[in-house]
């Protein structure tokens, strides 16, 4: 049984397109608040206490938050710049005051 080159090519193209259709679409979408990351590379550290009312950070910054001997690191990898409650990103056992996080533009991405 002979298979022609054209028929073999058509079969391969059809198979490749079907595999492509079954693959899930994976687009990188920034989390609305950013993400928890390891302690390896932090841009700066912010001390949090019960009197903290707000925290100013920039998009793309990685911050270590410290309070009462505990800490966590957060990367503000986000497209949005709306203020949000600090408690939305703080771990459950972290003493999170009723502070608000304000996001500034990433100076590396902002051009005048």
PDB file of N, CA and C in Angstrom:
ATOM      1  N   UNK A   1       0.845  -1.171   0.000  1.00  0.00           N
ATOM      2  CA  UNK A   1       0.000   0.000   0.000  1.00  0.00           C
ATOM      3  C   UNK A   1       0.888   1.232   0.000  1.00  0.00           C
ATOM      4  N   UNK A   2       0.755   2.035  -1.026  1.00  0.00           N
ATOM      5  CA  UNK A   2       1.562   3.234  -1.155  1.00  0.00           C
ATOM      6  C   UNK A   2       0.786   4.441  -0.649  1.00  0.00           C
ATOM      7  N   UNK A   3       1.463   5.255   0.092  1.00  0.00           N
ATOM      8  CA  UNK A   3       0.863   6.507   0.554  1.00  0.00           C
ATOM      9  C   UNK A   3       1.573   7.631  -0.175  1.00  0.00           C
ATOM     10  N   UNK A   4       0.827   8.473  -0.799  1.00  0.00           N
ATOM     11  CA  UNK A   4       1.444   9.575  -1.531  1.00  0.00           C
ATOM     12  C   UNK A   4       1.928  10.636  -0.553  1.00  0.00           C
ATOM     13  N   UNK A   5       2.883  11.394  -1.012  1.00  0.00           N
ATOM     14  CA  UNK A   5       3.446  12.461  -0.197  1.00  0.00           C
ATOM     15  C   UNK A   5       2.373  13.474   0.188  1.00  0.00           C
ATOM     16  N   UNK A   6       1.518  13.840  -0.741  1.00  0.00           N
ATOM     17  CA  UNK A   6       0.458  14.824  -0.480  1.00  0.00           C
ATOM     18  C   UNK A   6      -0.514  14.323   0.577  1.00  0.00           C
ATOM     19  N   UNK A   7      -0.879  13.050   0.507  1.00  0.00           N
ATOM     20  CA  UNK A   7      -1.817  12.489   1.489  1.00  0.00           C
ATOM     21  C   UNK A   7      -1.181  12.444   2.872  1.00  0.00           C
ATOM     22  N   UNK A   8       0.095  12.082   2.938  1.00  0.00           N
ATOM     23  CA  UNK A   8       0.794  12.027   4.224  1.00  0.00           C
ATOM     24  C   UNK A   8       0.912  13.423   4.830  1.00  0.00           C
ATOM     25  N   UNK A   9       1.234  14.406   4.003  1.00  0.00           N
ATOM     26  CA  UNK A   9       1.347  15.784   4.471  1.00  0.00           C
ATOM     27  C   UNK A   9       0.009  16.297   4.980  1.00  0.00           C
ATOM     28  N   UNK A  10      -1.055  16.024   4.248  1.00  0.00           N
ATOM     29  CA  UNK A  10      -2.389  16.458   4.662  1.00  0.00           C
ATOM     30  C   UNK A  10      -2.774  15.833   5.999  1.00  0.00           C
ATOM     31  N   UNK A  11      -2.432  14.573   6.192  1.00  0.00           N
ATOM     32  CA  UNK A  11      -2.736  13.895   7.457  1.00  0.00           C
ATOM     33  C   UNK A  11      -1.987  14.532   8.619  1.00  0.00           C
ATOM     34  N   UNK A  12      -0.729  14.861   8.406  1.00  0.00           N
ATOM     35  CA  UNK A  12       0.076  15.486   9.457  1.00  0.00           C
ATOM     36  C   UNK A  12      -0.467  16.862   9.807  1.00  0.00           C
ATOM     37  N   UNK A  13      -0.819  17.653   8.803  1.00  0.00           N
ATOM     38  CA  UNK A  13      -1.372  18.989   9.040  1.00  0.00           C
ATOM     39  C   UNK A  13      -2.688  18.896   9.804  1.00  0.00           C
ATOM     40  N   UNK A  14      -3.549  17.971   9.418  1.00  0.00           N
ATOM     41  CA  UNK A  14      -4.826  17.790  10.097  1.00  0.00           C
ATOM     42  C   UNK A  14      -4.618  17.377  11.546  1.00  0.00           C
ATOM     43  N   UNK A  15      -3.719  16.456  11.789  1.00  0.00           N
ATOM     44  CA  UNK A  15      -3.435  15.998  13.143  1.00  0.00           C
ATOM     45  C   UNK A  15      -2.879  17.138  13.996  1.00  0.00           C
ATOM     46  N   UNK A  16      -1.973  17.914  13.439  1.00  0.00           N
ATOM     47  CA  UNK A  16      -1.385  19.034  14.176  1.00  0.00           C
ATOM     48  C   UNK A  16      -2.436  20.070  14.540  1.00  0.00           C
ATOM     49  N   UNK A  17      -3.371  20.340  13.636  1.00  0.00           N
ATOM     50  CA  UNK A  17      -4.412  21.325  13.931  1.00  0.00           C
ATOM     51  C   UNK A  17      -5.362  20.817  15.003  1.00  0.00           C
ATOM     52  N   UNK A  18      -5.668  19.522  14.997  1.00  0.00           N
ATOM     53  CA  UNK A  18      -6.536  18.958  16.036  1.00  0.00           C
ATOM     54  C   UNK A  18      -5.868  18.995  17.401  1.00  0.00           C
ATOM     55  N   UNK A  19      -4.576  18.740  17.447  1.00  0.00           N
ATOM     56  CA  UNK A  19      -3.842  18.819  18.711  1.00  0.00           C
ATOM     57  C   UNK A  19      -3.854  20.255  19.215  1.00  0.00           C
ATOM     58  N   UNK A  20      -3.691  21.205  18.326  1.00  0.00           N
ATOM     59  CA  UNK A  20      -3.731  22.613  18.710  1.00  0.00           C
ATOM     60  C   UNK A  20      -5.078  23.031  19.253  1.00  0.00           C
ATOM     61  N   UNK A  21      -6.150  22.492  18.696  1.00  0.00           N
ATOM     62  CA  UNK A  21      -7.487  22.836  19.178  1.00  0.00           C
ATOM     63  C   UNK A  21      -7.765  22.264  20.557  1.00  0.00           C
ATOM     64  N   UNK A  22      -7.170  21.130  20.871  1.00  0.00           N
ATOM     65  CA  UNK A  22      -7.441  20.510  22.161  1.00  0.00           C
ATOM     66  C   UNK A  22      -6.592  21.092  23.281  1.00  0.00           C
ATOM     67  N   UNK A  23      -5.538  21.820  22.947  1.00  0.00           N
ATOM     68  CA  UNK A  23      -4.681  22.406  23.975  1.00  0.00           C
ATOM     69  C   UNK A  23      -5.389  23.586  24.626  1.00  0.00           C
ATOM     70  N   UNK A  24      -5.311  23.697  25.943  1.00  0.00           N
ATOM     71  CA  UNK A  24      -5.964  24.818  26.612  1.00  0.00           C
ATOM     72  C   UNK A  24      -5.253  26.128  26.307  1.00  0.00           C
ATOM     73  N   UNK A  25      -6.014  27.185  26.224  1.00  0.00           N
ATOM     74  CA  UNK A  25      -5.434  28.502  25.999  1.00  0.00           C
ATOM     75  C   UNK A  25      -4.847  28.982  27.317  1.00  0.00           C
ATOM     76  N   UNK A  26      -3.574  29.335  27.308  1.00  0.00           N
ATOM     77  CA  UNK A  26      -2.929  29.798  28.532  1.00  0.00           C
ATOM     78  C   UNK A  26      -2.393  31.194  28.305  1.00  0.00           C
ATOM     79  N   UNK A  27      -3.075  32.152  28.829  1.00  0.00           N
ATOM     80  CA  UNK A  27      -2.620  33.529  28.762  1.00  0.00           C
ATOM     81  C   UNK A  27      -2.197  33.938  30.160  1.00  0.00           C
ATOM     82  N   UNK A  28      -1.112  34.675  30.250  1.00  0.00           N
ATOM     83  CA  UNK A  28      -0.684  35.143  31.555  1.00  0.00           C
ATOM     84  C   UNK A  28      -1.488  36.375  31.916  1.00  0.00           C
ATOM     85  N   UNK A  29      -2.248  36.251  32.968  1.00  0.00           N
ATOM     86  CA  UNK A  29      -3.062  37.359  33.443  1.00  0.00           C
ATOM     87  C   UNK A  29      -2.602  37.689  34.845  1.00  0.00           C
ATOM     88  N   UNK A  30      -2.285  38.937  35.072  1.00  0.00           N
ATOM     89  CA  UNK A  30      -1.838  39.344  36.397  1.00  0.00           C
ATOM     90  C   UNK A  30      -2.981  39.223  37.393  1.00  0.00           C
ATOM     91  N   UNK A  31      -2.645  38.784  38.592  1.00  0.00           N
ATOM     92  CA  UNK A  31      -3.619  38.698  39.668  1.00  0.00           C
ATOM     93  C   UNK A  31      -4.034  40.121  40.038  1.00  0.00           C
ATOM     94  N   UNK A  32      -5.270  40.334  40.471  1.00  0.00           N
ATOM     95  CA  UNK A  32      -5.699  41.696  40.800  1.00  0.00           C
ATOM     96  C   UNK A  32      -4.861  42.356  41.889  1.00  0.00           C
ATOM     97  N   UNK A  33      -4.251  41.556  42.771  1.00  0.00           N
ATOM     98  CA  UNK A  33      -3.470  42.124  43.869  1.00  0.00           C
ATOM     99  C   UNK A  33      -1.991  41.771  43.803  1.00  0.00           C
ATOM    100  N   UNK A  34      -1.595  40.860  42.945  1.00  0.00           N
ATOM    101  CA  UNK A  34      -0.219  40.398  42.889  1.00  0.00           C
ATOM    102  C   UNK A  34      -0.131  38.971  43.387  1.00  0.00           C
ATOM    103  N   UNK A  35       1.046  38.579  43.917  1.00  0.00           N
ATOM    104  CA  UNK A  35       1.211  37.191  44.361  1.00  0.00           C
ATOM    105  C   UNK A  35       2.248  37.083  45.467  1.00  0.00           C
ATOM    106  N   UNK A  36       2.079  36.056  46.276  1.00  0.00           N
ATOM    107  CA  UNK A  36       3.044  35.738  47.315  1.00  0.00           C
ATOM    108  C   UNK A  36       4.276  35.128  46.656  1.00  0.00           C
ATOM    109  N   UNK A  37       5.462  35.554  47.098  1.00  0.00           N
ATOM    110  CA  UNK A  37       6.705  35.032  46.526  1.00  0.00           C
ATOM    111  C   UNK A  37       7.690  34.704  47.645  1.00  0.00           C
ATOM    112  N   UNK A  38       8.806  34.071  47.284  1.00  0.00           N
ATOM    113  CA  UNK A  38       9.821  33.709  48.276  1.00  0.00           C
ATOM    114  C   UNK A  38      10.561  34.946  48.768  1.00  0.00           C
ATOM    115  N   UNK A  39      11.364  34.753  49.782  1.00  0.00           N
ATOM    116  CA  UNK A  39      12.123  35.859  50.377  1.00  0.00           C
ATOM    117  C   UNK A  39      13.354  36.256  49.576  1.00  0.00           C
ATOM    118  N   UNK A  40      13.610  35.593  48.468  1.00  0.00           N
ATOM    119  CA  UNK A  40      14.880  35.755  47.767  1.00  0.00           C
ATOM    120  C   UNK A  40      15.174  37.192  47.326  1.00  0.00           C
ATOM    121  N   UNK A  41      14.315  37.787  46.560  1.00  0.00           N
ATOM    122  CA  UNK A  41      14.603  39.100  45.977  1.00  0.00           C
ATOM    123  C   UNK A  41      13.538  40.117  46.359  1.00  0.00           C
ATOM    124  N   UNK A  42      13.812  40.908  47.374  1.00  0.00           N
ATOM    125  CA  UNK A  42      12.856  41.942  47.756  1.00  0.00           C
ATOM    126  C   UNK A  42      13.428  43.307  47.389  1.00  0.00           C
ATOM    127  N   UNK A  43      12.546  44.204  46.957  1.00  0.00           N
ATOM    128  CA  UNK A  43      12.968  45.563  46.625  1.00  0.00           C
ATOM    129  C   UNK A  43      13.113  46.415  47.880  1.00  0.00           C
ATOM    130  N   UNK A  44      12.220  46.185  48.849  1.00  0.00           N
ATOM    131  CA  UNK A  44      12.297  46.914  50.114  1.00  0.00           C
ATOM    132  C   UNK A  44      11.443  46.222  51.166  1.00  0.00           C
ATOM    133  N   UNK A  45      11.579  46.722  52.397  1.00  0.00           N
ATOM    134  CA  UNK A  45      10.855  46.146  53.526  1.00  0.00           C
ATOM    135  C   UNK A  45       9.988  47.236  54.146  1.00  0.00           C
ATOM    136  N   UNK A  46       8.772  46.870  54.518  1.00  0.00           N
ATOM    137  CA  UNK A  46       7.855  47.826  55.147  1.00  0.00           C
ATOM    138  C   UNK A  46       7.419  47.258  56.490  1.00  0.00           C
ATOM    139  N   UNK A  47       7.623  48.050  57.545  1.00  0.00           N
ATOM    140  CA  UNK A  47       7.177  47.682  58.888  1.00  0.00           C
ATOM    141  C   UNK A  47       5.700  48.033  59.021  1.00  0.00           C
ATOM    142  N   UNK A  48       4.923  47.082  59.518  1.00  0.00           N
ATOM    143  CA  UNK A  48       3.488  47.283  59.716  1.00  0.00           C
ATOM    144  C   UNK A  48       3.207  47.245  61.213  1.00  0.00           C
ATOM    145  N   UNK A  49       2.403  48.192  61.693  1.00  0.00           N
ATOM    146  CA  UNK A  49       1.967  48.148  63.088  1.00  0.00           C
ATOM    147  C   UNK A  49       0.487  48.512  63.146  1.00  0.00           C
ATOM    148  N   UNK A  50      -0.144  48.398  64.308  1.00  0.00           N
ATOM    149  CA  UNK A  50      -1.586  48.655  64.390  1.00  0.00           C
ATOM    150  C   UNK A  50      -2.010  50.057  63.947  1.00  0.00           C
ATOM    151  N   UNK A  51      -1.076  51.019  63.966  1.00  0.00           N
ATOM    152  CA  UNK A  51      -1.433  52.382  63.557  1.00  0.00           C
ATOM    153  C   UNK A  51      -1.253  52.629  62.056  1.00  0.00           C
ATOM    154  N   UNK A  52      -0.762  51.643  61.308  1.00  0.00           N
ATOM    155  CA  UNK A  52      -0.565  51.805  59.862  1.00  0.00           C
ATOM    156  C   UNK A  52      -1.913  51.996  59.176  1.00  0.00           C
ATOM    157  N   UNK A  53      -2.051  53.116  58.473  1.00  0.00           N
ATOM    158  CA  UNK A  53      -3.311  53.435  57.780  1.00  0.00           C
ATOM    159  C   UNK A  53      -3.248  53.125  56.289  1.00  0.00           C
ATOM    160  N   UNK A  54      -2.046  53.245  55.708  1.00  0.00           N
ATOM    161  CA  UNK A  54      -1.902  52.987  54.275  1.00  0.00           C
ATOM    162  C   UNK A  54      -0.484  52.531  53.967  1.00  0.00           C
ATOM    163  N   UNK A  55      -0.328  51.899  52.807  1.00  0.00           N
ATOM    164  CA  UNK A  55       0.964  51.443  52.303  1.00  0.00           C
ATOM    165  C   UNK A  55       1.039  51.872  50.845  1.00  0.00           C
ATOM    166  N   UNK A  56       2.113  52.574  50.481  1.00  0.00           N
ATOM    167  CA  UNK A  56       2.324  52.985  49.093  1.00  0.00           C
ATOM    168  C   UNK A  56       3.367  52.078  48.448  1.00  0.00           C
ATOM    169  N   UNK A  57       2.992  51.440  47.359  1.00  0.00           N
ATOM    170  CA  UNK A  57       3.896  50.566  46.610  1.00  0.00           C
ATOM    171  C   UNK A  57       3.721  50.860  45.124  1.00  0.00           C
ATOM    172  N   UNK A  58       4.660  50.378  44.329  1.00  0.00           N
ATOM    173  CA  UNK A  58       4.561  50.522  42.875  1.00  0.00           C
ATOM    174  C   UNK A  58       4.305  49.173  42.227  1.00  0.00           C
ATOM    175  N   UNK A  59       3.648  49.205  41.087  1.00  0.00           N
ATOM    176  CA  UNK A  59       3.451  47.980  40.311  1.00  0.00           C
ATOM    177  C   UNK A  59       4.822  47.367  40.043  1.00  0.00           C
ATOM    178  N   UNK A  60       4.908  46.054  40.175  1.00  0.00           N
ATOM    179  CA  UNK A  60       6.158  45.359  39.910  1.00  0.00           C
ATOM    180  C   UNK A  60       7.084  45.243  41.108  1.00  0.00           C
ATOM    181  N   UNK A  61       6.840  45.992  42.174  1.00  0.00           N
ATOM    182  CA  UNK A  61       7.693  45.914  43.358  1.00  0.00           C
ATOM    183  C   UNK A  61       7.466  44.620  44.129  1.00  0.00           C
ATOM    184  N   UNK A  62       8.534  44.150  44.764  1.00  0.00           N
ATOM    185  CA  UNK A  62       8.452  43.007  45.671  1.00  0.00           C
ATOM    186  C   UNK A  62       8.783  43.528  47.063  1.00  0.00           C
ATOM    187  N   UNK A  63       7.833  43.386  47.972  1.00  0.00           N
ATOM    188  CA  UNK A  63       7.929  43.986  49.305  1.00  0.00           C
ATOM    189  C   UNK A  63       7.887  42.906  50.378  1.00  0.00           C
ATOM    190  N   UNK A  64       8.755  43.042  51.391  1.00  0.00           N
ATOM    191  CA  UNK A  64       8.657  42.204  52.588  1.00  0.00           C
ATOM    192  C   UNK A  64       7.920  43.038  53.635  1.00  0.00           C
ATOM    193  N   UNK A  65       6.789  42.530  54.098  1.00  0.00           N
ATOM    194  CA  UNK A  65       6.020  43.172  55.156  1.00  0.00           C
ATOM    195  C   UNK A  65       6.379  42.501  56.470  1.00  0.00           C
ATOM    196  N   UNK A  66       6.673  43.312  57.498  1.00  0.00           N
ATOM    197  CA  UNK A  66       7.093  42.792  58.794  1.00  0.00           C
ATOM    198  C   UNK A  66       6.210  43.382  59.879  1.00  0.00           C
ATOM    199  N   UNK A  67       5.719  42.505  60.788  1.00  0.00           N
ATOM    200  CA  UNK A  67       4.919  42.952  61.932  1.00  0.00           C
ATOM    201  C   UNK A  67       5.033  41.930  63.051  1.00  0.00           C
ATOM    202  N   UNK A  68       5.367  42.395  64.230  1.00  0.00           N
ATOM    203  CA  UNK A  68       5.386  41.566  65.437  1.00  0.00           C
ATOM    204  C   UNK A  68       6.147  40.256  65.243  1.00  0.00           C
ATOM    205  N   UNK A  69       7.325  40.332  64.647  1.00  0.00           N
ATOM    206  CA  UNK A  69       8.167  39.157  64.473  1.00  0.00           C
ATOM    207  C   UNK A  69       7.787  38.239  63.322  1.00  0.00           C
ATOM    208  N   UNK A  70       6.733  38.550  62.602  1.00  0.00           N
ATOM    209  CA  UNK A  70       6.324  37.747  61.444  1.00  0.00           C
ATOM    210  C   UNK A  70       6.527  38.569  60.182  1.00  0.00           C
ATOM    211  N   UNK A  71       6.673  37.864  59.062  1.00  0.00           N
ATOM    212  CA  UNK A  71       6.823  38.577  57.789  1.00  0.00           C
ATOM    213  C   UNK A  71       6.271  37.732  56.647  1.00  0.00           C
ATOM    214  N   UNK A  72       5.978  38.421  55.556  1.00  0.00           N
ATOM    215  CA  UNK A  72       5.635  37.750  54.303  1.00  0.00           C
ATOM    216  C   UNK A  72       6.087  38.646  53.166  1.00  0.00           C
ATOM    217  N   UNK A  73       6.305  38.037  52.004  1.00  0.00           N
ATOM    218  CA  UNK A  73       6.790  38.774  50.833  1.00  0.00           C
ATOM    219  C   UNK A  73       5.716  38.735  49.761  1.00  0.00           C
ATOM    220  N   UNK A  74       5.472  39.907  49.162  1.00  0.00           N
ATOM    221  CA  UNK A  74       4.426  40.038  48.154  1.00  0.00           C
ATOM    222  C   UNK A  74       4.970  40.780  46.948  1.00  0.00           C
ATOM    223  N   UNK A  75       4.706  40.244  45.755  1.00  0.00           N
ATOM    224  CA  UNK A  75       5.070  40.928  44.500  1.00  0.00           C
ATOM    225  C   UNK A  75       3.811  41.536  43.915  1.00  0.00           C
ATOM    226  N   UNK A  76       3.849  42.837  43.722  1.00  0.00           N
ATOM    227  CA  UNK A  76       2.701  43.567  43.182  1.00  0.00           C
ATOM    228  C   UNK A  76       2.745  43.542  41.660  1.00  0.00           C
ATOM    229  N   UNK A  77       2.597  42.336  41.119  1.00  0.00           N
ATOM    230  CA  UNK A  77       2.591  42.102  39.674  1.00  0.00           C
ATOM    231  C   UNK A  77       1.139  42.165  39.219  1.00  0.00           C
ATOM    232  N   UNK A  78       0.685  43.366  38.946  1.00  0.00           N
ATOM    233  CA  UNK A  78      -0.729  43.583  38.662  1.00  0.00           C
ATOM    234  C   UNK A  78      -0.903  44.667  37.615  1.00  0.00           C
ATOM    235  N   UNK A  79      -1.969  44.566  36.844  1.00  0.00           N
ATOM    236  CA  UNK A  79      -2.265  45.597  35.844  1.00  0.00           C
ATOM    237  C   UNK A  79      -3.030  46.757  36.464  1.00  0.00           C
ATOM    238  N   UNK A  80      -3.874  46.457  37.423  1.00  0.00           N
ATOM    239  CA  UNK A  80      -4.727  47.475  38.029  1.00  0.00           C
ATOM    240  C   UNK A  80      -3.994  48.333  39.035  1.00  0.00           C
ATOM    241  N   UNK A  81      -4.575  49.486  39.324  1.00  0.00           N
ATOM    242  CA  UNK A  81      -3.983  50.393  40.303  1.00  0.00           C
ATOM    243  C   UNK A  81      -5.010  50.854  41.327  1.00  0.00           C
ATOM    244  N   UNK A  82      -6.115  50.143  41.429  1.00  0.00           N
ATOM    245  CA  UNK A  82      -7.127  50.526  42.410  1.00  0.00           C
ATOM    246  C   UNK A  82      -6.650  50.187  43.815  1.00  0.00           C
ATOM    247  N   UNK A  83      -6.893  51.074  44.772  1.00  0.00           N
ATOM    248  CA  UNK A  83      -6.556  50.767  46.166  1.00  0.00           C
ATOM    249  C   UNK A  83      -7.357  49.560  46.653  1.00  0.00           C
ATOM    250  N   UNK A  84      -6.770  48.809  47.583  1.00  0.00           N
ATOM    251  CA  UNK A  84      -7.475  47.663  48.170  1.00  0.00           C
ATOM    252  C   UNK A  84      -7.019  47.482  49.612  1.00  0.00           C
ATOM    253  N   UNK A  85      -7.769  46.698  50.359  1.00  0.00           N
ATOM    254  CA  UNK A  85      -7.471  46.455  51.767  1.00  0.00           C
ATOM    255  C   UNK A  85      -6.225  45.583  51.910  1.00  0.00           C
ATOM    256  N   UNK A  86      -5.335  45.987  52.803  1.00  0.00           N
ATOM    257  CA  UNK A  86      -4.113  45.228  53.069  1.00  0.00           C
ATOM    258  C   UNK A  86      -4.440  43.804  53.511  1.00  0.00           C
ATOM    259  N   UNK A  87      -5.525  43.636  54.226  1.00  0.00           N
ATOM    260  CA  UNK A  87      -5.928  42.314  54.730  1.00  0.00           C
ATOM    261  C   UNK A  87      -6.178  41.310  53.602  1.00  0.00           C
ATOM    262  N   UNK A  88      -6.428  41.780  52.372  1.00  0.00           N
ATOM    263  CA  UNK A  88      -6.675  40.867  51.245  1.00  0.00           C
ATOM    264  C   UNK A  88      -5.428  40.095  50.839  1.00  0.00           C
ATOM    265  N   UNK A  89      -4.249  40.625  51.161  1.00  0.00           N
ATOM    266  CA  UNK A  89      -3.012  39.942  50.777  1.00  0.00           C
ATOM    267  C   UNK A  89      -2.259  39.366  51.968  1.00  0.00           C
ATOM    268  N   UNK A  90      -2.565  39.825  53.167  1.00  0.00           N
ATOM    269  CA  UNK A  90      -1.845  39.365  54.356  1.00  0.00           C
ATOM    270  C   UNK A  90      -2.260  37.943  54.724  1.00  0.00           C
ATOM    271  N   UNK A  91      -1.309  37.112  55.156  1.00  0.00           N
ATOM    272  CA  UNK A  91      -1.664  35.769  55.618  1.00  0.00           C
ATOM    273  C   UNK A  91      -2.611  35.836  56.813  1.00  0.00           C
ATOM    274  N   UNK A  92      -3.345  34.774  57.040  1.00  0.00           N
ATOM    275  CA  UNK A  92      -4.347  34.746  58.109  1.00  0.00           C
ATOM    276  C   UNK A  92      -3.734  35.008  59.480  1.00  0.00           C
ATOM    277  N   UNK A  93      -2.502  34.537  59.715  1.00  0.00           N
ATOM    278  CA  UNK A  93      -1.884  34.717  61.031  1.00  0.00           C
ATOM    279  C   UNK A  93      -1.071  36.003  61.144  1.00  0.00           C
ATOM    280  N   UNK A  94      -1.147  36.879  60.155  1.00  0.00           N
ATOM    281  CA  UNK A  94      -0.406  38.138  60.154  1.00  0.00           C
ATOM    282  C   UNK A  94      -1.277  39.232  60.752  1.00  0.00           C
ATOM    283  N   UNK A  95      -0.709  40.036  61.642  1.00  0.00           N
ATOM    284  CA  UNK A  95      -1.463  41.120  62.278  1.00  0.00           C
ATOM    285  C   UNK A  95      -1.702  42.231  61.263  1.00  0.00           C
ATOM    286  N   UNK A  96      -2.783  42.126  60.519  1.00  0.00           N
ATOM    287  CA  UNK A  96      -3.077  43.087  59.449  1.00  0.00           C
ATOM    288  C   UNK A  96      -3.991  44.187  59.976  1.00  0.00           C
ATOM    289  N   UNK A  97      -3.501  45.410  60.000  1.00  0.00           N
ATOM    290  CA  UNK A  97      -4.361  46.513  60.420  1.00  0.00           C
ATOM    291  C   UNK A  97      -5.373  46.846  59.320  1.00  0.00           C
ATOM    292  N   UNK A  98      -6.226  47.778  59.589  1.00  0.00           N
ATOM    293  CA  UNK A  98      -7.199  48.229  58.581  1.00  0.00           C
ATOM    294  C   UNK A  98      -6.530  49.213  57.627  1.00  0.00           C
ATOM    295  N   UNK A  99      -5.413  48.803  57.068  1.00  0.00           N
ATOM    296  CA  UNK A  99      -4.662  49.658  56.152  1.00  0.00           C
ATOM    297  C   UNK A  99      -5.135  49.444  54.720  1.00  0.00           C
ATOM    298  N   UNK A 100      -4.851  50.436  53.888  1.00  0.00           N
ATOM    299  CA  UNK A 100      -5.191  50.387  52.465  1.00  0.00           C
ATOM    300  C   UNK A 100      -3.889  50.389  51.671  1.00  0.00           C
ATOM    301  N   UNK A 101      -3.821  49.567  50.625  1.00  0.00           N
ATOM    302  CA  UNK A 101      -2.661  49.522  49.734  1.00  0.00           C
ATOM    303  C   UNK A 101      -2.949  50.418  48.536  1.00  0.00           C
ATOM    304  N   UNK A 102      -2.048  51.374  48.292  1.00  0.00           N
ATOM    305  CA  UNK A 102      -2.148  52.254  47.130  1.00  0.00           C
ATOM    306  C   UNK A 102      -1.034  51.883  46.158  1.00  0.00           C
ATOM    307  N   UNK A 103      -1.404  51.626  44.901  1.00  0.00           N
ATOM    308  CA  UNK A 103      -0.443  51.218  43.875  1.00  0.00           C
ATOM    309  C   UNK A 103      -0.081  52.378  42.963  1.00  0.00           C
ATOM    310  N   UNK A 104       1.221  52.630  42.831  1.00  0.00           N
ATOM    311  CA  UNK A 104       1.705  53.625  41.894  1.00  0.00           C
ATOM    312  C   UNK A 104       2.179  52.944  40.624  1.00  0.00           C
ATOM    313  N   UNK A 105       2.434  53.739  39.601  1.00  0.00           N
ATOM    314  CA  UNK A 105       2.942  53.203  38.332  1.00  0.00           C
ATOM    315  C   UNK A 105       4.355  52.680  38.501  1.00  0.00           C
ATOM    316  N   UNK A 106       4.666  51.629  37.789  1.00  0.00           N
ATOM    317  CA  UNK A 106       6.027  51.128  37.758  1.00  0.00           C
ATOM    318  C   UNK A 106       6.853  52.114  36.939  1.00  0.00           C
ATOM    319  N   UNK A 107       7.874  52.734  37.536  1.00  0.00           N
ATOM    320  CA  UNK A 107       8.663  53.723  36.798  1.00  0.00           C
ATOM    321  C   UNK A 107       9.367  53.147  35.567  1.00  0.00           C
ATOM    322  N   UNK A 108       9.611  51.833  35.547  1.00  0.00           N
ATOM    323  CA  UNK A 108      10.260  51.222  34.384  1.00  0.00           C
ATOM    324  C   UNK A 108       9.345  51.154  33.173  1.00  0.00           C
ATOM    325  N   UNK A 109       8.043  51.104  33.406  1.00  0.00           N
ATOM    326  CA  UNK A 109       7.085  50.973  32.311  1.00  0.00           C
ATOM    327  C   UNK A 109       6.416  52.285  31.947  1.00  0.00           C
ATOM    328  N   UNK A 110       6.625  53.304  32.732  1.00  0.00           N
ATOM    329  CA  UNK A 110       5.941  54.578  32.516  1.00  0.00           C
ATOM    330  C   UNK A 110       6.848  55.506  31.717  1.00  0.00           C
ATOM    331  N   UNK A 111       6.364  56.013  30.613  1.00  0.00           N
ATOM    332  CA  UNK A 111       7.140  56.970  29.827  1.00  0.00           C
ATOM    333  C   UNK A 111       6.354  58.260  29.706  1.00  0.00           C
ATOM    334  N   UNK A 112       7.071  59.337  29.669  1.00  0.00           N
ATOM    335  CA  UNK A 112       6.402  60.648  29.590  1.00  0.00           C
ATOM    336  C   UNK A 112       6.381  61.160  28.192  1.00  0.00           C
TER     337      UNK A 112
END
